[in-house]
N, C-alpha and C. Protein backbone atom coordinates (compact mmCIF):
# COMPACT_ATOMS: atom_id res chain seq x y z
N UNK A 1 123.73 119.86 91.88
CA UNK A 1 124.35 120.85 92.74
C UNK A 1 125.72 120.35 93.16
N UNK A 2 126.52 121.28 93.68
CA UNK A 2 127.85 120.95 94.17
C UNK A 2 127.84 121.01 95.68
N UNK A 3 128.27 119.93 96.32
CA UNK A 3 128.25 119.81 97.77
C UNK A 3 129.68 119.72 98.29
N UNK A 4 130.02 120.58 99.23
CA UNK A 4 131.31 120.51 99.90
C UNK A 4 131.23 119.54 101.07
N UNK A 5 132.22 118.67 101.19
CA UNK A 5 132.24 117.66 102.24
C UNK A 5 133.39 117.94 103.20
N UNK A 6 133.06 118.05 104.49
CA UNK A 6 134.06 118.36 105.50
C UNK A 6 134.91 117.16 105.87
N UNK A 7 135.63 117.30 106.98
CA UNK A 7 136.57 116.28 107.42
C UNK A 7 136.30 115.94 108.88
N UNK A 8 136.33 114.64 109.20
CA UNK A 8 136.12 114.22 110.58
C UNK A 8 134.97 113.25 110.70
N UNK A 9 134.70 112.83 111.94
CA UNK A 9 133.69 111.80 112.18
C UNK A 9 132.28 112.24 111.80
N UNK A 10 131.91 113.46 112.18
CA UNK A 10 130.56 113.94 111.84
C UNK A 10 130.39 114.04 110.33
N UNK A 11 131.40 114.54 109.66
CA UNK A 11 131.34 114.65 108.20
C UNK A 11 131.25 113.27 107.56
N UNK A 12 131.97 112.30 108.13
CA UNK A 12 131.94 110.95 107.59
C UNK A 12 130.54 110.36 107.66
N UNK A 13 129.83 110.62 108.76
CA UNK A 13 128.44 110.14 108.87
C UNK A 13 127.56 110.77 107.78
N UNK A 14 127.79 112.05 107.53
CA UNK A 14 127.01 112.73 106.49
C UNK A 14 127.32 112.15 105.11
N UNK A 15 128.57 111.82 104.87
CA UNK A 15 128.96 111.25 103.58
C UNK A 15 128.30 109.89 103.37
N UNK A 16 128.25 109.07 104.41
CA UNK A 16 127.59 107.77 104.30
C UNK A 16 126.10 107.94 103.97
N UNK A 17 125.46 108.90 104.64
CA UNK A 17 124.04 109.14 104.39
C UNK A 17 123.81 109.70 102.99
N UNK A 18 124.70 110.59 102.56
CA UNK A 18 124.57 111.18 101.23
C UNK A 18 124.79 110.13 100.15
N UNK A 19 125.77 109.27 100.36
CA UNK A 19 126.02 108.20 99.40
C UNK A 19 124.82 107.29 99.25
N UNK A 20 124.16 107.00 100.38
CA UNK A 20 122.96 106.15 100.33
C UNK A 20 121.85 106.82 99.54
N UNK A 21 121.69 108.12 99.71
CA UNK A 21 120.65 108.84 98.97
C UNK A 21 120.95 108.88 97.47
N UNK A 22 122.20 109.05 97.13
CA UNK A 22 122.57 109.05 95.71
C UNK A 22 122.25 107.70 95.08
N UNK A 23 122.57 106.63 95.80
CA UNK A 23 122.31 105.29 95.26
C UNK A 23 120.82 104.97 95.20
N UNK A 24 120.09 105.38 96.24
CA UNK A 24 118.68 104.99 96.34
C UNK A 24 117.72 105.94 95.63
N UNK A 25 118.12 107.21 95.53
CA UNK A 25 117.20 108.21 94.98
C UNK A 25 117.68 108.83 93.67
N UNK A 26 118.91 108.49 93.29
CA UNK A 26 119.43 109.02 92.04
C UNK A 26 119.71 110.50 92.06
N UNK A 27 120.11 111.03 93.21
CA UNK A 27 120.43 112.46 93.30
C UNK A 27 121.53 112.81 92.31
N UNK A 28 121.39 113.95 91.65
CA UNK A 28 122.40 114.41 90.70
C UNK A 28 123.27 115.48 91.37
N UNK A 29 124.37 115.05 91.95
CA UNK A 29 125.26 115.98 92.65
C UNK A 29 126.71 115.67 92.30
N UNK A 30 127.56 116.66 92.53
CA UNK A 30 128.99 116.45 92.52
C UNK A 30 129.54 117.01 93.82
N UNK A 31 130.70 116.52 94.25
CA UNK A 31 131.23 116.88 95.56
C UNK A 31 132.66 117.38 95.48
N UNK A 32 133.00 118.27 96.39
CA UNK A 32 134.39 118.66 96.61
C UNK A 32 134.75 118.28 98.04
N UNK A 33 135.98 117.85 98.24
CA UNK A 33 136.39 117.30 99.53
C UNK A 33 137.45 118.17 100.18
N UNK A 34 137.40 118.26 101.51
CA UNK A 34 138.33 119.12 102.25
C UNK A 34 139.56 118.37 102.76
N UNK A 35 139.68 117.09 102.42
CA UNK A 35 140.88 116.33 102.80
C UNK A 35 140.98 115.09 101.93
N UNK A 36 142.15 114.49 101.94
CA UNK A 36 142.36 113.26 101.18
C UNK A 36 141.52 112.13 101.75
N UNK A 37 141.40 112.08 103.09
CA UNK A 37 140.59 111.03 103.71
C UNK A 37 139.13 111.15 103.30
N UNK A 38 138.63 112.38 103.24
CA UNK A 38 137.25 112.60 102.81
C UNK A 38 137.07 112.18 101.36
N UNK A 39 138.05 112.48 100.53
CA UNK A 39 138.01 112.11 99.12
C UNK A 39 137.89 110.60 98.96
N UNK A 40 138.69 109.87 99.74
CA UNK A 40 138.66 108.40 99.66
C UNK A 40 137.29 107.87 100.06
N UNK A 41 136.76 108.36 101.19
CA UNK A 41 135.46 107.87 101.67
C UNK A 41 134.34 108.22 100.69
N UNK A 42 134.35 109.44 100.18
CA UNK A 42 133.30 109.85 99.23
C UNK A 42 133.34 109.00 97.97
N UNK A 43 134.52 108.72 97.48
CA UNK A 43 134.66 107.89 96.27
C UNK A 43 134.17 106.48 96.54
N UNK A 44 134.51 105.95 97.73
CA UNK A 44 134.04 104.60 98.10
C UNK A 44 132.52 104.53 98.14
N UNK A 45 131.88 105.65 98.49
CA UNK A 45 130.42 105.69 98.59
C UNK A 45 129.74 105.98 97.24
N UNK A 46 130.55 106.06 96.19
CA UNK A 46 129.99 106.25 94.87
C UNK A 46 129.67 107.69 94.52
N UNK A 47 130.17 108.64 95.31
CA UNK A 47 129.93 110.04 95.03
C UNK A 47 130.90 110.54 93.96
N UNK A 48 130.44 111.44 93.13
CA UNK A 48 131.28 112.05 92.10
C UNK A 48 132.08 113.17 92.73
N UNK A 49 133.40 113.03 92.75
CA UNK A 49 134.28 114.03 93.36
C UNK A 49 134.99 114.82 92.27
N UNK A 50 134.96 116.14 92.39
CA UNK A 50 135.63 117.01 91.43
C UNK A 50 136.64 117.89 92.17
N UNK A 51 137.70 118.35 91.50
CA UNK A 51 138.70 119.19 92.16
C UNK A 51 138.12 120.57 92.51
N UNK A 52 138.37 121.01 93.72
CA UNK A 52 137.88 122.32 94.12
C UNK A 52 138.58 123.43 93.35
N UNK A 53 139.80 123.20 92.94
CA UNK A 53 140.56 124.22 92.22
C UNK A 53 139.94 124.68 90.92
N UNK A 54 138.99 123.90 90.39
CA UNK A 54 138.33 124.27 89.14
C UNK A 54 136.99 124.97 89.36
N UNK A 55 136.61 125.16 90.63
CA UNK A 55 135.30 125.73 90.94
C UNK A 55 135.43 127.12 91.55
N UNK A 56 134.46 127.96 91.26
CA UNK A 56 134.41 129.28 91.87
C UNK A 56 133.42 129.35 93.02
N UNK A 57 132.48 128.40 93.07
CA UNK A 57 131.45 128.43 94.11
C UNK A 57 130.95 127.02 94.39
N UNK A 58 130.39 126.87 95.60
CA UNK A 58 129.80 125.60 96.05
C UNK A 58 128.40 125.91 96.55
N UNK A 59 127.45 125.02 96.29
CA UNK A 59 126.07 125.26 96.71
C UNK A 59 125.86 125.02 98.20
N UNK A 60 126.44 123.95 98.72
CA UNK A 60 126.18 123.54 100.10
C UNK A 60 127.42 122.92 100.70
N UNK A 61 127.73 123.27 101.94
CA UNK A 61 128.82 122.63 102.68
C UNK A 61 128.24 121.91 103.89
N UNK A 62 128.71 120.68 104.11
CA UNK A 62 128.37 119.93 105.31
C UNK A 62 129.68 119.58 106.01
N UNK A 63 129.83 120.01 107.26
CA UNK A 63 131.09 119.82 107.98
C UNK A 63 130.78 119.64 109.46
N UNK A 64 131.79 119.36 110.25
CA UNK A 64 131.63 119.20 111.69
C UNK A 64 132.37 120.27 112.45
N UNK A 65 132.27 120.23 113.79
CA UNK A 65 132.93 121.21 114.64
C UNK A 65 133.39 120.54 115.92
N UNK A 66 134.51 121.01 116.47
CA UNK A 66 135.03 120.48 117.73
C UNK A 66 134.38 121.16 118.94
N UNK A 67 134.03 122.44 118.79
CA UNK A 67 133.33 123.19 119.82
C UNK A 67 132.43 124.22 119.14
N UNK A 68 131.31 124.54 119.79
CA UNK A 68 130.39 125.56 119.28
C UNK A 68 129.87 126.36 120.47
N UNK A 69 129.86 127.70 120.36
CA UNK A 69 129.29 128.50 121.44
C UNK A 69 127.91 129.03 121.04
N UNK A 70 127.30 129.82 121.91
CA UNK A 70 125.92 130.25 121.66
C UNK A 70 125.81 131.35 120.62
N UNK A 71 126.94 131.79 120.06
CA UNK A 71 126.94 132.78 118.99
C UNK A 71 127.28 132.16 117.64
N UNK A 72 127.19 130.84 117.56
CA UNK A 72 127.49 130.10 116.33
C UNK A 72 128.98 130.15 115.99
N UNK A 73 129.81 130.55 116.92
CA UNK A 73 131.25 130.55 116.69
C UNK A 73 131.78 129.15 116.99
N UNK A 74 132.75 128.72 116.18
CA UNK A 74 133.24 127.34 116.29
C UNK A 74 134.75 127.29 116.43
N UNK A 75 135.20 126.20 117.06
CA UNK A 75 136.61 125.85 117.07
C UNK A 75 136.72 124.53 116.32
N UNK A 76 137.59 124.49 115.30
CA UNK A 76 137.74 123.33 114.44
C UNK A 76 139.22 122.99 114.27
N UNK A 77 139.49 121.83 113.68
CA UNK A 77 140.85 121.52 113.31
C UNK A 77 141.46 120.28 113.89
N UNK A 78 140.67 119.45 114.56
CA UNK A 78 141.21 118.23 115.14
C UNK A 78 141.88 117.35 114.08
N UNK A 79 141.39 117.44 112.84
CA UNK A 79 141.92 116.58 111.78
C UNK A 79 142.86 117.33 110.83
N UNK A 80 143.23 118.55 111.19
CA UNK A 80 144.28 119.26 110.48
C UNK A 80 143.93 119.80 109.11
N UNK A 81 142.64 119.96 108.82
CA UNK A 81 142.24 120.38 107.47
C UNK A 81 141.68 121.79 107.42
N UNK A 82 142.04 122.64 108.39
CA UNK A 82 141.37 123.95 108.52
C UNK A 82 141.49 124.83 107.28
N UNK A 83 142.64 124.80 106.61
CA UNK A 83 142.82 125.69 105.45
C UNK A 83 141.84 125.33 104.33
N UNK A 84 141.73 124.05 104.03
CA UNK A 84 140.80 123.61 102.99
C UNK A 84 139.35 123.79 103.45
N UNK A 85 139.09 123.53 104.72
CA UNK A 85 137.73 123.70 105.24
C UNK A 85 137.29 125.15 105.16
N UNK A 86 138.20 126.07 105.43
CA UNK A 86 137.86 127.50 105.35
C UNK A 86 137.58 127.91 103.91
N UNK A 87 138.42 127.46 103.00
CA UNK A 87 138.23 127.81 101.59
C UNK A 87 136.88 127.36 101.07
N UNK A 88 136.54 126.12 101.33
CA UNK A 88 135.27 125.59 100.83
C UNK A 88 134.10 126.27 101.53
N UNK A 89 134.25 126.56 102.82
CA UNK A 89 133.18 127.25 103.54
C UNK A 89 132.92 128.63 102.96
N UNK A 90 133.98 129.36 102.66
CA UNK A 90 133.80 130.71 102.11
C UNK A 90 133.20 130.67 100.70
N UNK A 91 133.41 129.57 99.99
CA UNK A 91 132.86 129.45 98.64
C UNK A 91 131.41 128.98 98.63
N UNK A 92 130.93 128.47 99.78
CA UNK A 92 129.62 127.84 99.82
C UNK A 92 128.50 128.85 100.05
N UNK A 93 127.39 128.66 99.34
CA UNK A 93 126.23 129.52 99.51
C UNK A 93 125.50 129.23 100.81
N UNK A 94 125.54 127.99 101.26
CA UNK A 94 124.88 127.58 102.51
C UNK A 94 125.80 126.62 103.24
N UNK A 95 125.95 126.83 104.57
CA UNK A 95 126.92 126.06 105.33
C UNK A 95 126.26 125.45 106.56
N UNK A 96 126.29 124.12 106.63
CA UNK A 96 125.68 123.39 107.74
C UNK A 96 126.79 122.66 108.50
N UNK A 97 126.77 122.79 109.83
CA UNK A 97 127.77 122.12 110.67
C UNK A 97 127.07 121.18 111.63
N UNK A 98 127.66 120.01 111.82
CA UNK A 98 127.11 118.96 112.65
C UNK A 98 127.94 118.81 113.91
N UNK A 99 127.27 118.61 115.05
CA UNK A 99 128.00 118.42 116.30
C UNK A 99 127.09 117.75 117.32
N UNK A 100 127.70 117.01 118.23
CA UNK A 100 126.94 116.47 119.36
C UNK A 100 126.77 117.56 120.40
N UNK A 101 125.78 117.41 121.27
CA UNK A 101 125.55 118.46 122.26
C UNK A 101 126.68 118.56 123.28
N UNK A 102 127.56 117.55 123.33
CA UNK A 102 128.73 117.62 124.20
C UNK A 102 129.75 118.64 123.71
N UNK A 103 129.60 119.08 122.44
CA UNK A 103 130.52 120.06 121.87
C UNK A 103 130.08 121.50 122.15
N UNK A 104 128.91 121.68 122.77
CA UNK A 104 128.44 123.03 123.09
C UNK A 104 129.19 123.56 124.30
N UNK A 105 129.73 124.77 124.18
CA UNK A 105 130.52 125.36 125.25
C UNK A 105 130.10 126.81 125.48
N UNK A 106 130.42 127.33 126.65
CA UNK A 106 130.18 128.74 126.92
C UNK A 106 131.35 129.59 126.49
N UNK A 107 132.54 128.97 126.34
CA UNK A 107 133.73 129.70 125.88
C UNK A 107 134.55 128.77 125.00
N UNK A 108 134.91 129.24 123.81
CA UNK A 108 135.74 128.43 122.93
C UNK A 108 137.08 128.14 123.58
N UNK A 109 137.49 126.88 123.52
CA UNK A 109 138.73 126.46 124.14
C UNK A 109 138.53 125.74 125.46
N UNK A 110 137.29 125.57 125.89
CA UNK A 110 137.02 124.88 127.14
C UNK A 110 137.45 123.42 127.09
N UNK A 111 137.21 122.79 125.95
CA UNK A 111 137.47 121.35 125.85
C UNK A 111 138.54 120.99 124.83
N UNK A 112 138.78 121.87 123.88
CA UNK A 112 139.69 121.55 122.78
C UNK A 112 140.78 122.60 122.65
N UNK A 113 141.92 122.18 122.10
CA UNK A 113 142.97 123.13 121.81
C UNK A 113 142.69 123.81 120.48
N UNK A 114 143.35 124.94 120.26
CA UNK A 114 143.21 125.70 119.03
C UNK A 114 144.35 125.35 118.08
N UNK A 115 144.06 124.72 116.95
CA UNK A 115 145.12 124.40 115.99
C UNK A 115 145.45 125.60 115.11
N UNK A 116 146.75 125.80 114.90
CA UNK A 116 147.22 126.85 114.01
C UNK A 116 148.11 126.21 112.96
N UNK A 117 147.71 126.32 111.72
CA UNK A 117 148.43 125.71 110.61
C UNK A 117 149.50 126.69 110.12
N UNK A 118 150.76 126.22 110.04
CA UNK A 118 151.87 127.13 109.71
C UNK A 118 152.77 126.53 108.64
N UNK A 119 153.48 127.41 107.93
CA UNK A 119 154.49 126.96 106.98
C UNK A 119 155.65 126.33 107.74
N UNK A 120 156.06 125.15 107.31
CA UNK A 120 157.20 124.48 107.96
C UNK A 120 158.45 125.35 107.89
N UNK A 121 158.60 126.10 106.82
CA UNK A 121 159.77 126.95 106.59
C UNK A 121 159.98 127.93 107.75
N UNK A 122 158.91 128.44 108.35
CA UNK A 122 159.05 129.47 109.38
C UNK A 122 158.63 129.01 110.77
N UNK A 123 158.71 127.71 111.04
CA UNK A 123 158.15 127.16 112.28
C UNK A 123 158.65 127.86 113.54
N UNK A 124 159.95 127.97 113.73
CA UNK A 124 160.47 128.55 114.97
C UNK A 124 160.08 130.01 115.13
N UNK A 125 160.17 130.76 114.04
CA UNK A 125 159.77 132.18 114.08
C UNK A 125 158.30 132.31 114.43
N UNK A 126 157.46 131.53 113.78
CA UNK A 126 156.01 131.63 114.01
C UNK A 126 155.68 131.25 115.46
N UNK A 127 156.31 130.22 115.98
CA UNK A 127 156.05 129.82 117.37
C UNK A 127 156.38 130.95 118.33
N UNK A 128 157.50 131.64 118.09
CA UNK A 128 157.89 132.74 118.96
C UNK A 128 156.91 133.90 118.85
N UNK A 129 156.48 134.20 117.63
CA UNK A 129 155.49 135.27 117.44
C UNK A 129 154.18 134.94 118.16
N UNK A 130 153.78 133.68 118.10
CA UNK A 130 152.55 133.27 118.79
C UNK A 130 152.72 133.34 120.30
N UNK A 131 153.89 132.96 120.80
CA UNK A 131 154.15 133.07 122.24
C UNK A 131 154.02 134.52 122.70
N UNK A 132 154.49 135.43 121.89
CA UNK A 132 154.40 136.86 122.23
C UNK A 132 152.95 137.34 122.29
N UNK A 133 152.06 136.59 121.67
CA UNK A 133 150.63 136.90 121.71
C UNK A 133 149.93 136.14 122.83
N UNK A 134 150.71 135.40 123.62
CA UNK A 134 150.12 134.60 124.69
C UNK A 134 149.55 133.28 124.22
N UNK A 135 150.04 132.80 123.07
CA UNK A 135 149.52 131.57 122.48
C UNK A 135 150.64 130.52 122.44
N UNK A 136 150.82 129.85 123.56
CA UNK A 136 151.85 128.82 123.66
C UNK A 136 151.25 127.46 123.39
N UNK A 137 152.03 126.63 122.70
CA UNK A 137 151.51 125.30 122.40
C UNK A 137 152.60 124.37 121.92
N UNK A 138 152.18 123.25 121.39
CA UNK A 138 153.12 122.22 120.93
C UNK A 138 152.88 121.92 119.46
N UNK A 139 153.93 121.50 118.80
CA UNK A 139 153.82 121.07 117.41
C UNK A 139 153.15 119.69 117.40
N UNK A 140 152.09 119.55 116.65
CA UNK A 140 151.37 118.28 116.59
C UNK A 140 152.25 117.19 116.00
N UNK A 141 152.16 116.01 116.61
CA UNK A 141 152.95 114.88 116.14
C UNK A 141 152.06 113.65 115.92
N UNK A 142 152.57 112.73 115.13
CA UNK A 142 151.86 111.50 114.84
C UNK A 142 152.12 110.49 115.96
N UNK A 143 151.47 109.34 115.90
CA UNK A 143 151.68 108.28 116.89
C UNK A 143 153.11 107.78 116.89
N UNK A 144 153.80 107.92 115.77
CA UNK A 144 155.21 107.50 115.68
C UNK A 144 156.16 108.64 116.03
N UNK A 145 155.61 109.74 116.57
CA UNK A 145 156.38 110.89 117.04
C UNK A 145 157.03 111.69 115.91
N UNK A 146 156.52 111.54 114.71
CA UNK A 146 156.92 112.39 113.60
C UNK A 146 156.04 113.64 113.59
N UNK A 147 156.56 114.74 113.07
CA UNK A 147 155.73 115.93 112.97
C UNK A 147 154.55 115.66 112.04
N UNK A 148 153.37 116.03 112.51
CA UNK A 148 152.17 115.86 111.70
C UNK A 148 152.21 116.84 110.53
N UNK A 149 151.95 116.34 109.34
CA UNK A 149 151.98 117.17 108.13
C UNK A 149 150.60 117.14 107.49
N UNK A 150 150.05 118.31 107.18
CA UNK A 150 148.73 118.38 106.56
C UNK A 150 148.79 117.94 105.11
N UNK A 151 147.62 117.81 104.50
CA UNK A 151 147.56 117.42 103.09
C UNK A 151 148.30 118.40 102.18
N UNK A 152 148.45 119.63 102.63
CA UNK A 152 149.13 120.66 101.84
C UNK A 152 150.58 120.87 102.25
N UNK A 153 151.11 119.98 103.11
CA UNK A 153 152.51 120.03 103.48
C UNK A 153 152.86 121.00 104.60
N UNK A 154 151.86 121.46 105.35
CA UNK A 154 152.10 122.39 106.45
C UNK A 154 152.13 121.66 107.79
N UNK A 155 152.59 122.36 108.83
CA UNK A 155 152.62 121.82 110.18
C UNK A 155 151.50 122.45 111.00
N UNK A 156 151.19 121.83 112.14
CA UNK A 156 150.13 122.33 113.01
C UNK A 156 150.67 122.53 114.42
N UNK A 157 150.43 123.72 114.97
CA UNK A 157 150.74 124.01 116.36
C UNK A 157 149.42 124.05 117.12
N UNK A 158 149.30 123.22 118.15
CA UNK A 158 148.09 123.20 118.98
C UNK A 158 148.33 124.05 120.22
N UNK A 159 147.57 125.13 120.36
CA UNK A 159 147.76 126.06 121.48
C UNK A 159 146.52 126.08 122.37
N UNK A 160 146.72 126.52 123.61
CA UNK A 160 145.59 126.70 124.52
C UNK A 160 144.90 128.01 124.15
N UNK A 161 143.59 127.93 123.95
CA UNK A 161 142.82 129.12 123.61
C UNK A 161 142.71 130.03 124.83
N UNK A 162 143.19 131.27 124.75
CA UNK A 162 143.11 132.18 125.90
C UNK A 162 141.68 132.63 126.16
N UNK A 163 141.43 133.04 127.38
CA UNK A 163 140.10 133.52 127.75
C UNK A 163 139.98 134.98 127.33
N UNK A 164 139.96 135.18 126.02
CA UNK A 164 139.85 136.51 125.44
C UNK A 164 138.85 136.47 124.29
N UNK A 165 138.48 137.61 123.80
CA UNK A 165 137.52 137.71 122.70
C UNK A 165 138.04 136.93 121.49
N UNK A 166 137.28 135.94 120.99
CA UNK A 166 137.76 135.12 119.87
C UNK A 166 138.06 135.92 118.61
N UNK A 167 137.29 136.97 118.34
CA UNK A 167 137.56 137.79 117.16
C UNK A 167 138.92 138.46 117.26
N UNK A 168 139.27 138.93 118.46
CA UNK A 168 140.57 139.57 118.66
C UNK A 168 141.69 138.55 118.49
N UNK A 169 141.51 137.38 119.07
CA UNK A 169 142.53 136.33 118.96
C UNK A 169 142.73 135.94 117.50
N UNK A 170 141.63 135.78 116.77
CA UNK A 170 141.73 135.40 115.35
C UNK A 170 142.48 136.46 114.55
N UNK A 171 142.19 137.72 114.81
CA UNK A 171 142.87 138.81 114.09
C UNK A 171 144.35 138.83 114.41
N UNK A 172 144.70 138.57 115.66
CA UNK A 172 146.12 138.54 116.05
C UNK A 172 146.85 137.40 115.34
N UNK A 173 146.23 136.24 115.29
CA UNK A 173 146.86 135.10 114.61
C UNK A 173 147.03 135.39 113.13
N UNK A 174 146.00 135.96 112.52
CA UNK A 174 146.05 136.28 111.09
C UNK A 174 147.18 137.26 110.76
N UNK A 175 147.61 138.04 111.74
CA UNK A 175 148.64 139.05 111.49
C UNK A 175 150.05 138.48 111.49
N UNK A 176 150.21 137.22 111.88
CA UNK A 176 151.54 136.62 111.98
C UNK A 176 151.96 136.04 110.64
N UNK A 177 153.06 136.51 110.05
CA UNK A 177 153.56 135.92 108.80
C UNK A 177 153.90 134.45 109.01
N UNK A 178 153.55 133.63 108.06
CA UNK A 178 153.84 132.20 108.18
C UNK A 178 152.67 131.38 108.65
N UNK A 179 151.64 132.05 109.20
CA UNK A 179 150.42 131.34 109.57
C UNK A 179 149.59 131.14 108.30
N UNK A 180 149.20 129.90 108.05
CA UNK A 180 148.38 129.58 106.88
C UNK A 180 146.90 129.73 107.22
N UNK A 181 146.50 129.20 108.36
CA UNK A 181 145.11 129.30 108.81
C UNK A 181 145.04 128.81 110.25
N UNK A 182 143.85 128.84 110.82
CA UNK A 182 143.67 128.42 112.22
C UNK A 182 142.26 127.91 112.42
N UNK A 183 141.99 127.39 113.61
CA UNK A 183 140.73 126.72 113.86
C UNK A 183 139.59 127.56 114.37
N UNK A 184 139.73 128.89 114.38
CA UNK A 184 138.62 129.74 114.81
C UNK A 184 137.74 130.05 113.59
N UNK A 185 136.58 129.44 113.56
CA UNK A 185 135.59 129.67 112.50
C UNK A 185 134.45 130.44 113.15
N UNK A 186 134.47 131.74 113.00
CA UNK A 186 133.61 132.60 113.81
C UNK A 186 132.36 133.08 113.09
N UNK A 187 132.35 133.03 111.77
CA UNK A 187 131.19 133.54 111.03
C UNK A 187 130.71 132.57 109.95
N UNK A 188 131.29 131.39 109.89
CA UNK A 188 130.99 130.47 108.79
C UNK A 188 129.64 129.76 108.92
N UNK A 189 129.20 129.47 110.13
CA UNK A 189 128.02 128.61 110.30
C UNK A 189 126.72 129.35 109.99
N UNK A 190 125.97 128.84 109.03
CA UNK A 190 124.62 129.33 108.77
C UNK A 190 123.59 128.51 109.54
N UNK A 191 123.91 127.24 109.72
CA UNK A 191 122.96 126.32 110.36
C UNK A 191 123.74 125.27 111.16
N UNK A 192 123.22 124.92 112.33
CA UNK A 192 123.81 123.88 113.16
C UNK A 192 122.81 122.75 113.35
N UNK A 193 123.30 121.52 113.26
CA UNK A 193 122.51 120.35 113.60
C UNK A 193 123.16 119.72 114.82
N UNK A 194 122.48 119.80 115.97
CA UNK A 194 123.04 119.37 117.25
C UNK A 194 122.33 118.09 117.70
N UNK A 195 123.10 117.03 117.90
CA UNK A 195 122.55 115.73 118.26
C UNK A 195 122.80 115.43 119.73
N UNK A 196 121.78 114.92 120.43
CA UNK A 196 121.98 114.53 121.82
C UNK A 196 122.30 113.04 121.91
N UNK A 197 122.48 112.53 123.14
CA UNK A 197 122.89 111.14 123.33
C UNK A 197 121.83 110.17 122.86
N UNK A 198 120.57 110.60 122.83
CA UNK A 198 119.49 109.73 122.39
C UNK A 198 119.32 109.73 120.87
N UNK A 199 120.09 110.55 120.18
CA UNK A 199 120.02 110.60 118.72
C UNK A 199 119.06 111.63 118.17
N UNK A 200 118.40 112.39 119.05
CA UNK A 200 117.52 113.46 118.59
C UNK A 200 118.36 114.64 118.13
N UNK A 201 117.91 115.29 117.06
CA UNK A 201 118.68 116.38 116.47
C UNK A 201 117.90 117.70 116.53
N UNK A 202 118.58 118.74 117.03
CA UNK A 202 118.01 120.09 117.01
C UNK A 202 118.61 120.85 115.83
N UNK A 203 117.78 121.60 115.15
CA UNK A 203 118.23 122.43 114.03
C UNK A 203 118.23 123.89 114.48
N UNK A 204 119.39 124.51 114.45
CA UNK A 204 119.54 125.90 114.83
C UNK A 204 119.98 126.71 113.63
N UNK A 205 119.30 127.81 113.34
CA UNK A 205 119.61 128.66 112.20
C UNK A 205 120.07 130.01 112.69
N UNK A 206 121.16 130.50 112.12
CA UNK A 206 121.66 131.81 112.52
C UNK A 206 120.60 132.88 112.27
N UNK A 207 120.33 133.71 113.27
CA UNK A 207 119.29 134.73 113.17
C UNK A 207 119.72 135.91 112.31
């Protein structure tokens, strides 16, 4: 089967576990990765990585989330890979997301900012269009104060999520020319694995 591998700490834990199963049980799988960092880790774990560009579908996606509400809606993008994460999620027949119970919220945006991935070419225009929608934020920067650049050469604007319907906010962002993608993943999750501080995991399946 083909397994999509997400980006971030939760996904990294899944990759380590999957690598161990491949080595110990001889699982016959191939993987597609949603970031260069994921690609490196998966390869180090002995997983067979194939380019997503050559595939039309994925059997299973395993990824993480920065926030999750009680409707299985998620806010993602801390690691800047939302465009690739969305593509692989839409291609996957089954999608599982991992999160600690500290990521459960009553409203998306309570704890995390909303990342919006934009073309560098239109940065100033896009920022103004987003401000007109009530979405003000800052351009993400690295520790050396350089503009953060995604694996695909785009920039990220981190905005405060307004206290409005997430579906409406997502549609408004999608309408802005120059926006590549954003961190509102509202319908992607089929299954959630929620871990508490003691390490116990709850499995939640979308009804």
